[in-house]
Amino acid sequence: MSRKNREKVVLSAYDAEIYEALQEPEIFADLFNGSLFAGQQLIREDMLEEENEKELIKAQDSQGNPAIIYRVRDNNKKGYFSEKRLKVILAVENQRAVHYGMPVRNMMYDAISYTKEAKSLELKNRKEGGLKAGKEFLSGLKKEDRLSPLLTLVFYYGEDQAWDGPVSLHDMLLIPKELELWKKYIPDYKINLVSSRTVEKENFHTGLKEVFELLGVFSDREKLEKLLREKEEHYKNLDEETSRLVGKFLDIPVLKENQEKYRDERGKVNMCTAIRDMVKNGEKRGEERGEKRGEERSARLALLLAERNRIGDLKKASEDKEYRDKLFQEFGI
């Protein structure tokens, strides 16, 4: 395989654009249905309502002073099930890079959400009265009170889809050998990791299907080109909505700069050409950066040789590349 084919296509999707895309109820629902429920349409658009993303609880700092823990989750929505409107909180954490503390981070976010709801119930119960003396009055919660389930996804869309971070709290713990037998008694917390390697793309009903398919090969030029050749008829005729979603998640600059160039008279978008143009432009920018750096190195070497009055070396370096490289090593440039 040539060096050109081994080079990666760098993903630089903007977090704000990913957040914006997942705010759309259809995309949000499809992400959960496709990644957790094997494509079953358990969550529908009409079930979803916006959830306040600010999570605040009163706490204390290490000195015992009043403090507030504040977190903003990437995407939050409430889902209501059945005629009784049973509420489930659905949350998504968007990750462009692997986070080695993700289980603890998610555990904190979820704990804040549950604590907030428990506090709200307690305030409501105390205001309305009716708490039984003893256990109920102590906690502020009635025996029949229940919290809304919270389901959180970690959506990883980095260029290298191999998540090498922990996927559970146990993965982060240094457990002594002597405690291995009792590991099951140490509470664990697992994350629901979603990436091109953890899902079946066929389970998605929106442009997320193409997003996950492309994410799986996007960092390898040879695999990317192979996919585009095999599915050229499909990817050269993407509908507007799908191409827009792919453009956001994979950050294809040429689509943003000149969409009309890749759209035909039917409104179909030629994603094959757009991606190939993006790769070509990336190569060109890389070559230009390489040429500029080479010029800067040569100029620096010429200055150093002139300062040392090594005119013979300066002349030879301008004619002999191997000798010039040797001098680059000598001067550490």
Protein backbone atom coordinates (compact mmCIF):
# COMPACT_ATOMS: atom_id res chain seq x y z
CA MET A 1 0.00 0.00 0.00
CA SER A 2 1.37 3.42 -0.90
CA ARG A 3 2.06 6.07 1.68
CA LYS A 4 -0.68 8.17 0.11
CA ASN A 5 -3.27 5.48 0.80
CA ARG A 6 -2.09 4.96 4.37
CA GLU A 7 -2.57 8.63 5.19
CA LYS A 8 -5.67 9.54 7.12
CA VAL A 9 -8.45 11.85 6.11
CA VAL A 10 -8.72 14.12 9.12
CA LEU A 11 -12.17 14.68 10.56
CA SER A 12 -12.78 18.14 12.00
CA ALA A 13 -16.52 18.26 12.55
CA TYR A 14 -17.52 21.17 14.74
CA ASP A 15 -19.15 20.19 18.03
CA ALA A 16 -21.74 22.96 17.61
CA GLU A 17 -22.89 21.46 14.31
CA ILE A 18 -23.19 17.98 15.83
CA TYR A 19 -25.23 19.45 18.68
CA GLU A 20 -27.46 21.25 16.19
CA ALA A 21 -28.03 18.11 14.12
CA LEU A 22 -29.02 16.04 17.16
CA GLN A 23 -31.48 18.70 18.29
CA GLU A 24 -33.74 17.55 15.46
CA PRO A 25 -36.28 15.11 17.01
CA GLU A 26 -36.16 12.73 14.02
CA ILE A 27 -32.37 12.39 14.20
CA PHE A 28 -32.35 12.21 18.00
CA ALA A 29 -34.96 9.42 18.03
CA ASP A 30 -33.18 7.52 15.24
CA LEU A 31 -29.89 7.61 17.16
CA PHE A 32 -31.49 5.82 20.12
CA ASN A 33 -33.62 3.43 18.07
CA GLY A 34 -30.75 2.44 15.82
CA SER A 35 -28.04 2.09 18.43
CA LEU A 36 -29.95 0.55 21.36
CA PHE A 37 -33.15 -0.99 20.02
CA ALA A 38 -31.97 -2.68 16.79
CA GLY A 39 -33.95 -0.25 14.66
CA GLN A 40 -37.29 -0.80 16.39
CA GLN A 41 -39.21 2.48 16.45
CA LEU A 42 -39.67 2.55 20.23
CA ILE A 43 -39.00 6.28 20.37
CA ARG A 44 -40.98 8.51 18.03
CA GLU A 45 -40.65 12.19 17.28
CA ASP A 46 -44.05 12.95 18.79
CA MET A 47 -42.93 11.46 22.11
CA LEU A 48 -40.10 13.92 22.56
CA GLU A 49 -40.01 17.25 24.33
CA GLU A 50 -37.09 19.52 25.09
CA GLU A 51 -35.54 19.04 28.52
CA ASN A 52 -33.80 21.82 30.39
CA GLU A 53 -30.12 21.01 29.91
CA LYS A 54 -28.91 22.96 32.96
CA GLU A 55 -28.30 20.62 35.87
CA LEU A 56 -27.75 22.31 39.21
CA ILE A 57 -27.63 20.91 42.72
CA LYS A 58 -26.48 22.52 45.91
CA ALA A 59 -23.46 20.85 47.45
CA GLN A 60 -20.41 21.62 49.56
CA ASP A 61 -16.80 22.09 48.55
CA SER A 62 -13.86 20.37 50.22
CA GLN A 63 -13.90 23.00 53.01
CA GLY A 64 -17.58 22.48 53.71
CA ASN A 65 -18.63 25.77 52.11
CA PRO A 66 -21.83 25.94 50.06
CA ALA A 67 -21.20 25.20 46.40
CA ILE A 68 -23.12 24.45 43.24
CA ILE A 69 -22.31 21.69 40.79
CA TYR A 70 -23.27 22.81 37.30
CA ARG A 71 -23.23 20.72 34.14
CA VAL A 72 -24.62 21.28 30.66
CA ARG A 73 -25.29 18.07 28.75
CA ASP A 74 -24.82 18.03 25.01
CA ASN A 75 -28.36 16.93 24.10
CA ASN A 76 -31.30 16.24 26.40
CA LYS A 77 -34.91 15.36 25.66
CA LYS A 78 -37.85 13.96 27.59
CA GLY A 79 -39.74 11.02 26.16
CA TYR A 80 -43.29 10.24 27.27
CA PHE A 81 -44.55 6.66 26.98
CA SER A 82 -48.14 5.41 27.10
CA GLU A 83 -51.28 7.39 27.89
CA LYS A 84 -50.05 7.92 31.44
CA ARG A 85 -47.15 9.96 30.00
CA LEU A 86 -44.47 7.97 31.81
CA LYS A 87 -41.35 10.07 31.51
CA VAL A 88 -37.88 8.90 30.48
CA ILE A 89 -34.94 11.30 30.19
CA LEU A 90 -32.82 10.70 27.08
CA ALA A 91 -29.36 12.28 26.99
CA VAL A 92 -26.46 12.26 24.55
CA GLU A 93 -22.84 13.13 25.24
CA ASN A 94 -21.06 13.97 21.97
CA GLN A 95 -17.39 13.02 21.83
CA ARG A 96 -14.99 13.98 19.03
CA ALA A 97 -12.07 12.66 21.09
CA VAL A 98 -11.75 9.69 23.44
CA HIS A 99 -12.37 10.74 27.05
CA TYR A 100 -10.48 8.54 29.51
CA GLY A 101 -12.70 9.58 32.38
CA MET A 102 -16.04 9.11 30.60
CA PRO A 103 -17.60 6.63 33.07
CA VAL A 104 -16.97 8.99 36.00
CA ARG A 105 -18.08 12.00 33.98
CA ASN A 106 -21.33 10.34 32.93
CA MET A 107 -21.92 8.97 36.40
CA MET A 108 -21.65 12.52 37.77
CA TYR A 109 -24.06 13.91 35.16
CA ASP A 110 -26.62 11.15 35.79
CA ALA A 111 -26.28 11.48 39.56
CA ILE A 112 -26.93 15.22 39.30
CA SER A 113 -30.05 14.57 37.23
CA TYR A 114 -31.43 12.00 39.69
CA THR A 115 -30.54 14.19 42.69
CA LYS A 116 -32.31 17.15 41.12
CA GLU A 117 -35.49 15.15 40.56
CA ALA A 118 -35.38 13.65 44.06
CA LYS A 119 -34.99 17.14 45.52
CA SER A 120 -37.96 18.40 43.50
CA LEU A 121 -40.09 15.54 44.78
CA GLU A 122 -39.01 16.22 48.34
CA LEU A 123 -39.88 19.93 48.09
CA LYS A 124 -43.26 19.09 46.55
CA ASN A 125 -44.04 16.54 49.26
CA ARG A 126 -43.06 18.82 52.12
CA LYS A 127 -45.06 21.68 50.65
CA GLU A 128 -48.18 19.57 50.17
CA GLY A 129 -47.78 17.66 53.44
CA GLY A 130 -48.94 14.11 53.83
CA LEU A 131 -45.53 12.62 54.59
CA LYS A 132 -45.76 9.90 57.20
CA ALA A 133 -43.76 10.37 60.35
CA GLY A 134 -40.47 8.52 60.44
CA LYS A 135 -39.02 7.11 57.22
CA GLU A 136 -40.98 9.29 54.76
CA PHE A 137 -40.50 12.47 56.73
CA LEU A 138 -36.77 11.76 57.07
CA SER A 139 -36.16 11.41 53.31
CA GLY A 140 -38.92 13.67 52.08
CA LEU A 141 -39.97 10.91 49.69
CA LYS A 142 -43.08 8.77 49.90
CA LYS A 143 -42.75 5.01 49.71
CA GLU A 144 -44.50 4.98 46.31
CA ASP A 145 -42.44 7.84 44.80
CA ARG A 146 -40.38 6.90 41.75
CA LEU A 147 -37.80 8.80 39.69
CA SER A 148 -37.79 9.05 35.90
CA PRO A 149 -35.33 6.65 34.23
CA LEU A 150 -32.33 8.33 32.58
CA LEU A 151 -30.80 6.80 29.45
CA THR A 152 -27.50 8.32 28.30
CA LEU A 153 -25.56 7.64 25.10
CA VAL A 154 -21.93 8.51 24.47
CA PHE A 155 -21.83 9.29 20.76
CA TYR A 156 -18.23 9.01 19.51
CA TYR A 157 -17.62 10.48 16.08
CA GLY A 158 -13.81 10.87 16.12
CA GLU A 159 -11.73 10.09 13.05
CA ASP A 160 -10.30 6.93 14.62
CA GLN A 161 -13.40 4.94 15.54
CA ALA A 162 -11.43 2.59 17.81
CA TRP A 163 -12.41 3.86 21.29
CA ASP A 164 -9.47 2.90 23.49
CA GLY A 165 -10.85 4.45 26.67
CA PRO A 166 -12.75 2.83 29.56
CA VAL A 167 -16.37 1.83 29.04
CA SER A 168 -17.14 1.21 32.70
CA LEU A 169 -16.11 2.44 36.13
CA HIS A 170 -14.45 -0.91 36.83
CA ASP A 171 -12.16 -0.28 33.83
CA MET A 172 -10.85 2.80 35.65
CA LEU A 173 -10.25 1.17 39.04
CA LEU A 174 -6.93 -0.17 40.24
CA ILE A 175 -8.23 -3.15 42.18
CA PRO A 176 -5.68 -5.01 44.34
CA LYS A 177 -5.29 -8.66 43.53
CA GLU A 178 -6.51 -9.51 47.01
CA LEU A 179 -9.87 -7.85 46.24
CA GLU A 180 -10.50 -9.50 42.86
CA LEU A 181 -12.87 -12.07 44.39
CA TRP A 182 -14.97 -9.27 45.89
CA LYS A 183 -14.95 -7.07 42.76
CA LYS A 184 -18.65 -7.74 42.23
CA TYR A 185 -19.41 -5.85 45.44
CA ILE A 186 -17.73 -2.69 44.14
CA PRO A 187 -20.48 -0.75 42.32
CA ASP A 188 -19.87 -0.43 38.59
CA TYR A 189 -21.13 2.12 36.08
CA LYS A 190 -21.16 1.37 32.36
CA ILE A 191 -21.47 3.81 29.48
CA ASN A 192 -23.57 3.21 26.37
CA LEU A 193 -20.89 3.80 23.74
CA VAL A 194 -22.14 4.51 20.22
CA SER A 195 -19.72 4.51 17.29
CA SER A 196 -19.46 2.96 13.84
CA ARG A 197 -17.96 -0.12 15.53
CA THR A 198 -20.77 -0.66 18.03
CA VAL A 199 -23.82 -0.28 15.77
CA GLU A 200 -25.38 -1.89 12.71
CA LYS A 201 -25.80 0.88 10.14
CA GLU A 202 -28.84 -0.87 8.66
CA ASN A 203 -30.73 -0.17 11.90
CA PHE A 204 -30.93 3.55 11.14
CA HIS A 205 -33.69 5.17 9.11
CA THR A 206 -32.21 8.65 8.61
CA GLY A 207 -28.91 9.94 7.22
CA LEU A 208 -27.25 8.47 10.32
CA LYS A 209 -27.04 5.25 8.29
CA GLU A 210 -24.65 6.91 5.82
CA VAL A 211 -22.89 8.80 8.62
CA PHE A 212 -21.96 5.59 10.45
CA GLU A 213 -21.02 3.82 7.21
CA LEU A 214 -18.64 6.63 6.23
CA LEU A 215 -17.27 7.08 9.75
CA GLY A 216 -16.18 3.45 9.66
CA VAL A 217 -13.82 4.02 6.73
CA PHE A 218 -13.22 7.76 6.68
CA SER A 219 -9.79 7.65 8.33
CA ASP A 220 -8.43 5.25 5.68
CA ARG A 221 -8.25 6.67 2.16
CA GLU A 222 -8.06 3.28 0.49
CA LYS A 223 -11.13 1.93 2.31
CA LEU A 224 -12.99 5.18 1.74
CA GLU A 225 -12.34 5.11 -2.00
CA LYS A 226 -13.32 1.41 -2.14
CA LEU A 227 -16.67 2.20 -0.48
CA LEU A 228 -17.33 5.10 -2.83
CA ARG A 229 -16.61 2.89 -5.86
CA GLU A 230 -18.81 0.04 -4.62
CA LYS A 231 -21.72 2.32 -3.72
CA GLU A 232 -21.13 5.09 -6.22
CA GLU A 233 -24.68 5.03 -7.55
CA HIS A 234 -26.01 5.60 -4.03
CA TYR A 235 -23.53 8.23 -2.87
CA LYS A 236 -23.73 10.26 -6.07
CA ASN A 237 -27.51 10.57 -5.62
CA LEU A 238 -28.00 11.51 -1.95
CA ASP A 239 -31.08 13.48 -1.01
CA GLU A 240 -30.69 16.96 0.45
CA GLU A 241 -31.40 15.95 4.07
CA THR A 242 -28.95 13.03 4.08
CA SER A 243 -26.16 15.00 2.42
CA ARG A 244 -26.66 17.84 4.90
CA LEU A 245 -26.31 15.43 7.84
CA VAL A 246 -23.23 13.74 6.33
CA GLY A 247 -21.71 17.15 5.62
CA LYS A 248 -22.11 18.16 9.27
CA PHE A 249 -20.78 14.99 10.87
CA LEU A 250 -17.85 14.55 8.50
CA ASP A 251 -17.24 18.29 7.99
CA ILE A 252 -16.87 18.41 4.22
CA PRO A 253 -15.77 22.01 3.51
CA VAL A 254 -16.40 21.92 -0.25
CA LEU A 255 -20.10 21.22 0.40
CA LYS A 256 -20.37 24.26 2.65
CA GLU A 257 -18.47 26.48 0.24
CA ASN A 258 -20.35 25.57 -2.94
CA GLN A 259 -23.30 23.21 -2.54
CA GLU A 260 -24.64 23.97 -6.01
CA LYS A 261 -21.52 22.50 -7.57
CA TYR A 262 -22.47 19.04 -6.32
CA ARG A 263 -26.28 19.25 -6.75
CA ASP A 264 -27.96 18.20 -9.99
CA GLU A 265 -31.21 19.44 -11.52
CA ARG A 266 -33.19 16.90 -9.43
CA GLY A 267 -31.75 18.27 -6.19
CA LYS A 268 -29.60 15.15 -5.63
CA VAL A 269 -26.12 15.66 -4.16
CA ASN A 270 -23.03 13.90 -5.53
CA MET A 271 -21.27 13.00 -2.29
CA CYS A 272 -18.65 10.92 -4.14
CA THR A 273 -17.30 13.96 -5.96
CA ALA A 274 -17.55 16.16 -2.86
CA ILE A 275 -15.52 13.74 -0.72
CA ARG A 276 -12.93 13.18 -3.45
CA ASP A 277 -12.56 16.95 -3.91
CA MET A 278 -12.14 17.32 -0.16
CA VAL A 279 -9.36 14.69 -0.11
CA LYS A 280 -7.69 16.31 -3.10
CA ASN A 281 -7.82 19.76 -1.48
CA GLY A 282 -6.38 18.29 1.71
CA GLU A 283 -3.46 16.81 -0.24
CA LYS A 284 -2.86 20.14 -1.95
CA ARG A 285 -2.86 22.01 1.37
CA GLY A 286 -0.47 19.42 2.79
CA GLU A 287 1.89 19.81 -0.16
CA GLU A 288 1.78 23.59 0.16
CA ARG A 289 2.55 23.37 3.88
CA GLY A 290 5.42 20.98 3.13
CA GLU A 291 6.85 23.29 0.46
CA LYS A 292 6.62 26.30 2.75
CA ARG A 293 8.32 24.44 5.59
CA GLY A 294 11.07 23.29 3.20
CA GLU A 295 11.67 26.87 2.08
CA GLU A 296 11.81 28.05 5.69
CA ARG A 297 14.32 25.31 6.62
CA SER A 298 16.53 26.14 3.63
CA ALA A 299 16.46 29.84 4.44
CA ARG A 300 17.36 29.13 8.08
CA LEU A 301 20.25 26.86 7.00
CA ALA A 302 21.56 29.47 4.56
CA LEU A 303 21.54 32.12 7.30
CA LEU A 304 23.41 29.89 9.77
CA LEU A 305 26.04 28.92 7.18
CA ALA A 306 26.53 32.55 6.14
CA GLU A 307 26.95 33.63 9.78
CA ARG A 308 29.69 31.02 10.16
CA ASN A 309 31.30 32.02 6.87
CA ARG A 310 30.85 28.48 5.50
CA ILE A 311 30.35 29.69 1.95
CA GLY A 312 31.56 26.44 0.39
CA ASP A 313 28.99 24.44 2.37
CA LEU A 314 26.31 26.96 1.42
CA LYS A 315 27.05 26.52 -2.30
CA LYS A 316 27.21 22.71 -2.06
CA ALA A 317 23.94 22.57 -0.05
CA SER A 318 22.13 24.52 -2.76
CA GLU A 319 23.11 21.88 -5.35
CA ASP A 320 23.21 18.62 -3.35
CA LYS A 321 20.03 17.50 -1.56
CA GLU A 322 21.73 14.71 0.43
CA TYR A 323 24.39 17.12 1.65
CA ARG A 324 21.67 19.66 2.51
CA ASP A 325 19.82 17.02 4.56
CA LYS A 326 23.07 16.21 6.36
CA LEU A 327 23.46 19.88 7.30
CA PHE A 328 19.83 20.01 8.46
CA GLN A 329 20.73 17.25 10.93
CA GLU A 330 23.90 18.99 11.98
CA PHE A 331 22.07 22.19 12.88
CA GLY A 332 18.93 20.43 14.16
CA ILE A 333 16.50 22.13 11.77
